[in-house]
Amino acid sequence: MTRHNRYDLETRDRLRAKAVSLATSVLNGNTGIVEGARELATLGHVLADNWALDPDFVVFGGVASESDDLPVGKDRERWDPTALVDKDAEVQIYETRVRSRMYGACRNVIRRFTDV
């Protein structure tokens, strides 16, 4: 894992653009809610002064934590296809439950980090 100096302006700008791209991808349905939350949560450690107090990154971290048993993205490659059927149903139910909060946090991230 690469460590980023949070005061490195070039890195900060690149990570802000990545956060905007991820948030946009979640809103467009190209990235799943759980997968997007996990990726955005990792960016919170660099982009927010204190991710645990940041209202948007708290949402991402909470969703990532609550869904850590659900296989999404590349994690799916290591799961038995039969087991994935049940887990996919769980993912759908969970994503429906958190969709509104995630979409709100994604919209906020786009506003915060676009043309900053």
C-alpha atoms as a PDB file:
ATOM      1  CA  MET A   1       0.000   0.000   0.000  1.00  0.00           C
ATOM      2  CA  THR A   2       1.291   3.417  -0.897  1.00  0.00           C
ATOM      3  CA  ARG A   3       1.330   6.000   1.849  1.00  0.00           C
ATOM      4  CA  HIS A   4       0.386   9.508   0.791  1.00  0.00           C
ATOM      5  CA  ASN A   5       1.624  12.716   2.342  1.00  0.00           C
ATOM      6  CA  ARG A   6      -1.616  14.556   2.909  1.00  0.00           C
ATOM      7  CA  TYR A   7       0.171  17.856   2.308  1.00  0.00           C
ATOM      8  CA  ASP A   8       1.493  16.811  -1.097  1.00  0.00           C
ATOM      9  CA  LEU A   9      -0.722  19.006  -3.273  1.00  0.00           C
ATOM     10  CA  GLU A  10      -0.349  16.897  -6.392  1.00  0.00           C
ATOM     11  CA  THR A  11      -1.352  13.732  -4.535  1.00  0.00           C
ATOM     12  CA  ARG A  12      -4.227  15.534  -2.825  1.00  0.00           C
ATOM     13  CA  ASP A  13      -5.568  16.798  -6.142  1.00  0.00           C
ATOM     14  CA  ARG A  14      -5.254  13.343  -7.728  1.00  0.00           C
ATOM     15  CA  LEU A  15      -7.103  11.735  -4.815  1.00  0.00           C
ATOM     16  CA  ARG A  16      -9.817  14.394  -4.903  1.00  0.00           C
ATOM     17  CA  ALA A  17     -10.323  13.669  -8.596  1.00  0.00           C
ATOM     18  CA  LYS A  18     -10.462   9.947  -7.786  1.00  0.00           C
ATOM     19  CA  ALA A  19     -13.094  10.599  -5.095  1.00  0.00           C
ATOM     20  CA  VAL A  20     -15.183  12.643  -7.529  1.00  0.00           C
ATOM     21  CA  SER A  21     -14.870   9.944 -10.171  1.00  0.00           C
ATOM     22  CA  LEU A  22     -15.870   7.197  -7.717  1.00  0.00           C
ATOM     23  CA  ALA A  23     -18.788   9.187  -6.339  1.00  0.00           C
ATOM     24  CA  THR A  24     -19.993   9.910  -9.866  1.00  0.00           C
ATOM     25  CA  SER A  25     -19.658   6.248 -10.778  1.00  0.00           C
ATOM     26  CA  VAL A  26     -21.769   5.244  -7.762  1.00  0.00           C
ATOM     27  CA  LEU A  27     -24.454   7.780  -8.663  1.00  0.00           C
ATOM     28  CA  ASN A  28     -24.472   6.593 -12.282  1.00  0.00           C
ATOM     29  CA  GLY A  29     -24.804   2.970 -11.209  1.00  0.00           C
ATOM     30  CA  ASN A  30     -21.474   1.959 -12.748  1.00  0.00           C
ATOM     31  CA  THR A  31     -19.988   1.150  -9.333  1.00  0.00           C
ATOM     32  CA  GLY A  32     -22.020  -0.619  -6.693  1.00  0.00           C
ATOM     33  CA  ILE A  33     -22.866   1.154  -3.465  1.00  0.00           C
ATOM     34  CA  VAL A  34     -20.908  -1.230  -1.250  1.00  0.00           C
ATOM     35  CA  GLU A  35     -17.879  -1.319  -3.535  1.00  0.00           C
ATOM     36  CA  GLY A  36     -17.910   2.468  -3.876  1.00  0.00           C
ATOM     37  CA  ALA A  37     -18.231   2.966  -0.125  1.00  0.00           C
ATOM     38  CA  ARG A  38     -15.205   0.774   0.507  1.00  0.00           C
ATOM     39  CA  GLU A  39     -13.063   2.677  -1.978  1.00  0.00           C
ATOM     40  CA  LEU A  40     -14.267   6.107  -0.837  1.00  0.00           C
ATOM     41  CA  ALA A  41     -13.745   5.199   2.816  1.00  0.00           C
ATOM     42  CA  THR A  42     -10.057   4.556   2.171  1.00  0.00           C
ATOM     43  CA  LEU A  43      -9.721   8.026   0.635  1.00  0.00           C
ATOM     44  CA  GLY A  44     -11.210   9.651   3.724  1.00  0.00           C
ATOM     45  CA  HIS A  45      -8.006   9.083   5.667  1.00  0.00           C
ATOM     46  CA  VAL A  46      -6.212  11.453   3.304  1.00  0.00           C
ATOM     47  CA  LEU A  47      -8.927  13.841   2.111  1.00  0.00           C
ATOM     48  CA  ALA A  48     -10.693  14.648   5.383  1.00  0.00           C
ATOM     49  CA  ASP A  49      -9.077  16.356   8.349  1.00  0.00           C
ATOM     50  CA  ASN A  50     -10.684  13.686  10.528  1.00  0.00           C
ATOM     51  CA  TRP A  51     -12.670  11.136   8.557  1.00  0.00           C
ATOM     52  CA  ALA A  52     -14.459   9.973  11.735  1.00  0.00           C
ATOM     53  CA  LEU A  53     -15.974  13.449  12.133  1.00  0.00           C
ATOM     54  CA  ASP A  54     -16.567  14.159   8.455  1.00  0.00           C
ATOM     55  CA  PRO A  55     -20.270  13.605   7.694  1.00  0.00           C
ATOM     56  CA  ASP A  56     -19.644  12.192   4.214  1.00  0.00           C
ATOM     57  CA  PHE A  57     -16.701   9.933   4.982  1.00  0.00           C
ATOM     58  CA  VAL A  58     -18.482   8.636   8.088  1.00  0.00           C
ATOM     59  CA  VAL A  59     -21.231   7.387   5.751  1.00  0.00           C
ATOM     60  CA  PHE A  60     -18.680   5.644   3.515  1.00  0.00           C
ATOM     61  CA  GLY A  61     -16.870   4.133   6.486  1.00  0.00           C
ATOM     62  CA  GLY A  62     -20.102   2.971   8.070  1.00  0.00           C
ATOM     63  CA  VAL A  63     -21.355   1.308   4.904  1.00  0.00           C
ATOM     64  CA  ALA A  64     -17.951  -0.322   4.343  1.00  0.00           C
ATOM     65  CA  SER A  65     -17.897  -1.630   7.898  1.00  0.00           C
ATOM     66  CA  GLU A  66     -21.494  -2.851   7.952  1.00  0.00           C
ATOM     67  CA  SER A  67     -21.037  -4.721   4.676  1.00  0.00           C
ATOM     68  CA  ASP A  68     -17.580  -6.208   5.130  1.00  0.00           C
ATOM     69  CA  ASP A  69     -19.014  -9.732   4.876  1.00  0.00           C
ATOM     70  CA  LEU A  70     -20.558  -9.070   1.470  1.00  0.00           C
ATOM     71  CA  PRO A  71     -18.554 -10.057  -1.619  1.00  0.00           C
ATOM     72  CA  VAL A  72     -18.318  -7.285  -4.206  1.00  0.00           C
ATOM     73  CA  GLY A  73     -15.813  -6.418  -6.885  1.00  0.00           C
ATOM     74  CA  LYS A  74     -12.748  -8.646  -7.085  1.00  0.00           C
ATOM     75  CA  ASP A  75     -13.723 -10.374  -3.808  1.00  0.00           C
ATOM     76  CA  ARG A  76     -16.380 -12.226  -5.774  1.00  0.00           C
ATOM     77  CA  GLU A  77     -13.704 -14.202  -7.650  1.00  0.00           C
ATOM     78  CA  ARG A  78     -12.889 -16.140  -4.478  1.00  0.00           C
ATOM     79  CA  TRP A  79     -16.476 -17.139  -3.696  1.00  0.00           C
ATOM     80  CA  ASP A  80     -18.359 -20.266  -4.658  1.00  0.00           C
ATOM     81  CA  PRO A  81     -20.957 -19.379  -7.339  1.00  0.00           C
ATOM     82  CA  THR A  82     -23.698 -21.090  -5.351  1.00  0.00           C
ATOM     83  CA  ALA A  83     -22.929 -19.040  -2.234  1.00  0.00           C
ATOM     84  CA  LEU A  84     -22.883 -15.856  -4.325  1.00  0.00           C
ATOM     85  CA  VAL A  85     -26.569 -16.265  -5.144  1.00  0.00           C
ATOM     86  CA  ASP A  86     -27.521 -15.765  -1.487  1.00  0.00           C
ATOM     87  CA  LYS A  87     -24.916 -13.053  -0.918  1.00  0.00           C
ATOM     88  CA  ASP A  88     -26.057 -11.142  -4.016  1.00  0.00           C
ATOM     89  CA  ALA A  89     -29.555 -11.004  -2.533  1.00  0.00           C
ATOM     90  CA  GLU A  90     -28.079  -9.642   0.713  1.00  0.00           C
ATOM     91  CA  VAL A  91     -26.123  -7.016  -1.213  1.00  0.00           C
ATOM     92  CA  GLN A  92     -29.281  -5.852  -2.995  1.00  0.00           C
ATOM     93  CA  ILE A  93     -31.258  -5.584   0.233  1.00  0.00           C
ATOM     94  CA  TYR A  94     -28.448  -3.751   1.998  1.00  0.00           C
ATOM     95  CA  GLU A  95     -27.789  -1.349  -0.882  1.00  0.00           C
ATOM     96  CA  THR A  96     -31.483  -0.477  -1.053  1.00  0.00           C
ATOM     97  CA  ARG A  97     -31.398   0.360   2.655  1.00  0.00           C
ATOM     98  CA  VAL A  98     -28.368   2.681   2.456  1.00  0.00           C
ATOM     99  CA  ARG A  99     -28.836   4.103  -1.052  1.00  0.00           C
ATOM    100  CA  SER A 100     -30.252   7.471   0.040  1.00  0.00           C
ATOM    101  CA  ARG A 101     -27.430   8.152   2.526  1.00  0.00           C
ATOM    102  CA  MET A 102     -24.761   7.032   0.079  1.00  0.00           C
ATOM    103  CA  TYR A 103     -26.139   9.114  -2.771  1.00  0.00           C
ATOM    104  CA  GLY A 104     -26.277  12.191  -0.540  1.00  0.00           C
ATOM    105  CA  ALA A 105     -22.674  11.689   0.591  1.00  0.00           C
ATOM    106  CA  CYS A 106     -21.560  11.096  -3.013  1.00  0.00           C
ATOM    107  CA  ARG A 107     -23.240  14.313  -4.171  1.00  0.00           C
ATOM    108  CA  ASN A 108     -21.514  16.184  -1.335  1.00  0.00           C
ATOM    109  CA  VAL A 109     -18.102  14.786  -2.272  1.00  0.00           C
ATOM    110  CA  ILE A 110     -18.608  15.863  -5.866  1.00  0.00           C
ATOM    111  CA  ARG A 111     -19.537  19.391  -4.731  1.00  0.00           C
ATOM    112  CA  ARG A 112     -16.656  19.577  -2.262  1.00  0.00           C
ATOM    113  CA  PHE A 113     -13.880  18.347  -4.506  1.00  0.00           C
ATOM    114  CA  THR A 114     -14.846  19.603  -7.950  1.00  0.00           C
ATOM    115  CA  ASP A 115     -12.832  22.655  -9.013  1.00  0.00           C
ATOM    116  CA  VAL A 116     -11.402  23.191  -5.547  1.00  0.00           C
END
